Protein backbone atom coordinates (compact mmCIF):
# COMPACT_ATOMS: atom_id res chain seq x y z
CA MET A 1 -7.91 -72.96 -4.99
CA SER A 2 -8.59 -69.93 -7.53
CA ALA A 3 -6.17 -68.21 -10.41
CA GLN A 4 -5.84 -65.05 -7.52
CA HIS A 5 -4.54 -67.50 -4.98
CA ILE A 6 -2.18 -68.22 -7.24
CA TYR A 7 -1.17 -65.31 -8.84
CA ASP A 8 -0.73 -63.96 -4.93
CA SER A 9 1.12 -67.28 -3.05
CA ALA A 10 2.76 -69.27 -5.82
CA PRO A 11 6.54 -68.57 -5.71
CA LEU A 12 7.36 -68.98 -9.51
CA GLY A 13 8.71 -71.98 -11.52
CA SER A 14 5.79 -73.64 -9.16
CA LEU A 15 3.84 -76.84 -11.17
CA ILE A 16 0.51 -75.87 -11.38
CA THR A 17 -2.73 -77.92 -11.89
CA PHE A 18 -5.45 -76.79 -13.75
CA SER A 19 -8.89 -77.66 -13.99
CA ASN A 20 -12.43 -76.98 -14.92
CA GLY A 21 -14.55 -79.54 -12.84
CA GLU A 22 -15.98 -81.86 -15.12
CA PRO A 23 -15.43 -85.66 -15.73
CA ARG A 24 -12.87 -86.88 -18.77
CA PRO A 25 -14.36 -88.40 -21.46
CA PRO A 26 -14.02 -91.50 -23.20
CA GLN A 27 -11.49 -91.58 -25.46
CA ARG A 28 -13.54 -92.45 -28.40
CA PHE A 29 -15.22 -89.05 -28.25
CA THR A 30 -11.88 -86.91 -30.06
CA ARG A 31 -13.39 -83.62 -30.16
CA LYS A 32 -15.30 -83.81 -26.12
CA LEU A 33 -11.25 -84.96 -25.38
CA ARG A 34 -10.15 -82.36 -26.48
CA ALA A 35 -12.41 -79.52 -25.73
CA TRP A 36 -11.61 -80.93 -21.96
CA ASN A 37 -7.84 -81.08 -22.33
CA ASP A 38 -8.36 -77.38 -23.65
CA GLU A 39 -8.96 -76.45 -19.75
CA ASN A 40 -7.88 -79.50 -17.57
CA GLY A 41 -3.77 -80.55 -17.28
CA MET A 42 -0.85 -79.13 -15.54
CA GLY A 43 1.57 -76.02 -16.51
CA ARG A 44 4.99 -74.79 -15.16
CA LEU A 45 4.64 -71.37 -13.23
CA VAL A 46 6.78 -68.37 -16.04
CA GLU A 47 5.28 -64.80 -15.58
CA ARG A 48 3.13 -63.00 -13.63
CA SER A 49 1.54 -59.58 -14.99
CA ALA A 50 -0.17 -56.29 -12.64
CA GLY A 51 -3.10 -55.59 -13.76
CA HIS A 52 -3.75 -52.13 -15.62
CA SER A 53 -6.58 -49.23 -14.81
CA GLY A 54 -7.27 -46.87 -16.74
CA ARG A 55 -9.03 -46.08 -20.10
CA PHE A 56 -8.27 -50.19 -21.06
CA ALA A 57 -8.39 -51.32 -17.36
CA SER A 58 -7.46 -55.40 -17.45
CA PRO A 59 -6.99 -57.91 -14.15
CA ALA A 60 -4.10 -59.02 -13.31
CA THR A 61 -2.90 -62.62 -15.08
CA PHE A 62 -0.12 -65.15 -14.90
CA ALA A 63 1.40 -67.50 -17.63
CA LEU A 64 2.01 -71.12 -17.67
CA HIS A 65 4.36 -73.14 -19.67
CA LEU A 66 3.04 -75.83 -21.43
CA GLY A 67 5.24 -77.44 -22.79
CA ASN A 68 7.72 -77.30 -25.91
CA TYR A 69 7.73 -79.00 -29.11
CA GLY A 70 10.49 -78.99 -32.16
CA SER A 71 12.76 -82.23 -33.31
CA GLN A 72 16.25 -82.81 -33.25
CA GLY A 73 17.16 -80.67 -30.06
CA ILE A 74 15.35 -77.21 -31.97
CA ILE A 75 12.29 -75.78 -29.91
CA THR A 76 10.16 -74.13 -32.97
CA MET A 77 6.98 -73.74 -30.55
CA VAL A 78 7.08 -72.70 -27.18
CA VAL A 79 2.81 -72.89 -25.98
CA ARG A 80 2.17 -71.20 -22.07
CA ARG A 81 -1.45 -70.40 -21.40
CA ILE A 82 -1.94 -67.06 -20.00
CA TYR A 83 -4.95 -66.87 -17.13
CA THR A 84 -6.70 -63.82 -15.22
CA VAL A 85 -7.19 -63.25 -11.95
CA THR A 86 -10.85 -63.75 -12.86
CA SER A 87 -10.52 -67.25 -14.65
CA GLN A 88 -13.25 -69.73 -13.24
CA LEU A 89 -10.63 -72.72 -13.67
CA ARG A 90 -9.37 -74.76 -10.86
CA PHE A 91 -5.91 -73.74 -9.97
CA GLU A 92 -4.17 -76.41 -7.52
CA ILE A 93 0.02 -76.52 -6.10
CA ALA A 94 1.03 -80.16 -7.23
CA ASP A 95 5.29 -78.77 -7.08
CA GLN A 96 7.22 -76.02 -5.98
CA PRO A 97 11.01 -75.56 -6.68
CA LYS A 98 12.95 -76.84 -3.88
CA ALA A 99 15.65 -75.09 -1.36
CA GLY A 100 19.26 -74.77 -3.46
CA MET A 101 17.16 -74.59 -6.78
CA VAL A 102 17.79 -71.02 -8.32
CA ARG A 103 15.65 -68.85 -10.73
CA ILE A 104 16.92 -66.74 -13.34
CA LEU A 105 14.35 -64.16 -14.55
CA SER A 106 13.35 -60.87 -15.62
CA ARG A 107 11.73 -57.46 -14.34
CA ARG A 108 10.02 -55.40 -15.54
CA ASP A 109 7.05 -52.68 -15.36
CA GLY A 110 4.67 -54.67 -13.38
CA ARG A 111 5.81 -58.62 -15.15
CA GLU A 112 7.95 -60.99 -13.93
CA GLU A 113 9.42 -64.06 -15.97
CA LEU A 114 10.54 -67.04 -15.04
CA HIS A 115 13.77 -67.53 -18.36
CA HIS A 116 15.16 -71.06 -16.13
CA LEU A 117 14.86 -72.94 -13.83
CA ALA A 118 18.45 -74.44 -12.79
CA PRO A 119 19.14 -77.20 -9.79
CA ASP A 120 22.32 -74.93 -7.97
CA PHE A 121 24.02 -71.74 -8.25
CA ALA A 122 26.72 -73.74 -11.21
CA ALA A 123 24.51 -74.81 -13.35
CA ALA A 124 22.54 -70.96 -13.23
CA GLU A 125 25.77 -69.75 -14.32
CA ALA A 126 26.51 -71.68 -16.44
CA TRP A 127 22.31 -71.82 -18.60
CA ALA A 128 23.21 -67.99 -17.59
CA ALA A 129 26.48 -67.53 -19.54
CA GLU A 130 24.77 -69.37 -22.73
CA HIS A 131 21.57 -67.46 -22.27
CA ARG A 132 22.24 -63.30 -22.41
CA TYR A 133 18.82 -61.27 -20.44
CA HIS A 134 18.72 -58.49 -20.65
CA GLY A 135 18.28 -57.18 -17.47
CA ALA A 136 18.00 -61.08 -15.47
CA VAL A 137 18.94 -61.78 -12.28
CA MET A 138 19.31 -64.28 -10.15
CA GLU A 139 17.23 -65.68 -7.21
CA GLU A 140 18.82 -68.66 -4.83
CA VAL A 141 15.23 -70.53 -3.76
CA MET A 142 15.69 -70.37 0.46
CA THR A 143 12.32 -71.88 1.19
CA PRO A 144 9.20 -72.37 -1.12
CA ASP A 145 7.84 -69.33 0.58
CA SER A 146 11.10 -66.71 0.39
CA VAL A 147 14.17 -65.72 -2.29
CA VAL A 148 17.92 -63.63 -1.48
CA PRO A 149 17.98 -60.43 -2.77
CA PRO A 150 18.69 -61.09 -6.38
CA VAL A 151 21.92 -61.04 -7.78
CA ARG A 152 22.30 -58.97 -11.17
CA LEU A 153 23.43 -60.25 -14.20
CA GLY A 154 25.53 -57.95 -16.45
CA ARG A 155 28.82 -56.13 -16.53
CA ALA A 156 29.65 -53.47 -14.51
CA ALA A 157 29.47 -49.83 -16.08
C-alpha cells in the first residue's frame, strides 16, 4: 500500500508495517543493518495532519509511534516517525483496533492525534481521569472502519 492509502483509510490505533522492499542484511553488517532497520519496521498510527497550501505548501502527514524508552516505569523518550503521503516506502495494515475498544484523541487545525487506545470504556475513563488533555474526545470503535460520535471530556461550563 502507498502512504496516501494509509493516510486515507487506516483508522487511528492501527498497527502499520513499513518497508523499503530490500532484503534484511546479515547480522554481521551492523551499519547496513542499522540503516535497514530505519526503513523497515512496525508502529502504531497515532496522528494525522492535513497538508498546507499557500506560500509554503506541504503534503499531508501521518505519525507512527515506534516505542517508549525509559526505566523503572518512567518514560524518558517517546519515538515517533512522521511520514508524508508522498513517501516511497511500502506500508501495510498489520492490525486494526477491535470493536469495543475506545480511542482517546484530540483534533485541532486539521490534525488528529491518538493519546491512548483503551480496551473498553471504563478503562478509557480511568485513563482520562489520570491523564488530562484539553479538548480530548473518546470514540468507541464499532467496526474497524466506523466510530460513534465522540464524547467530549472535561467539565461543563
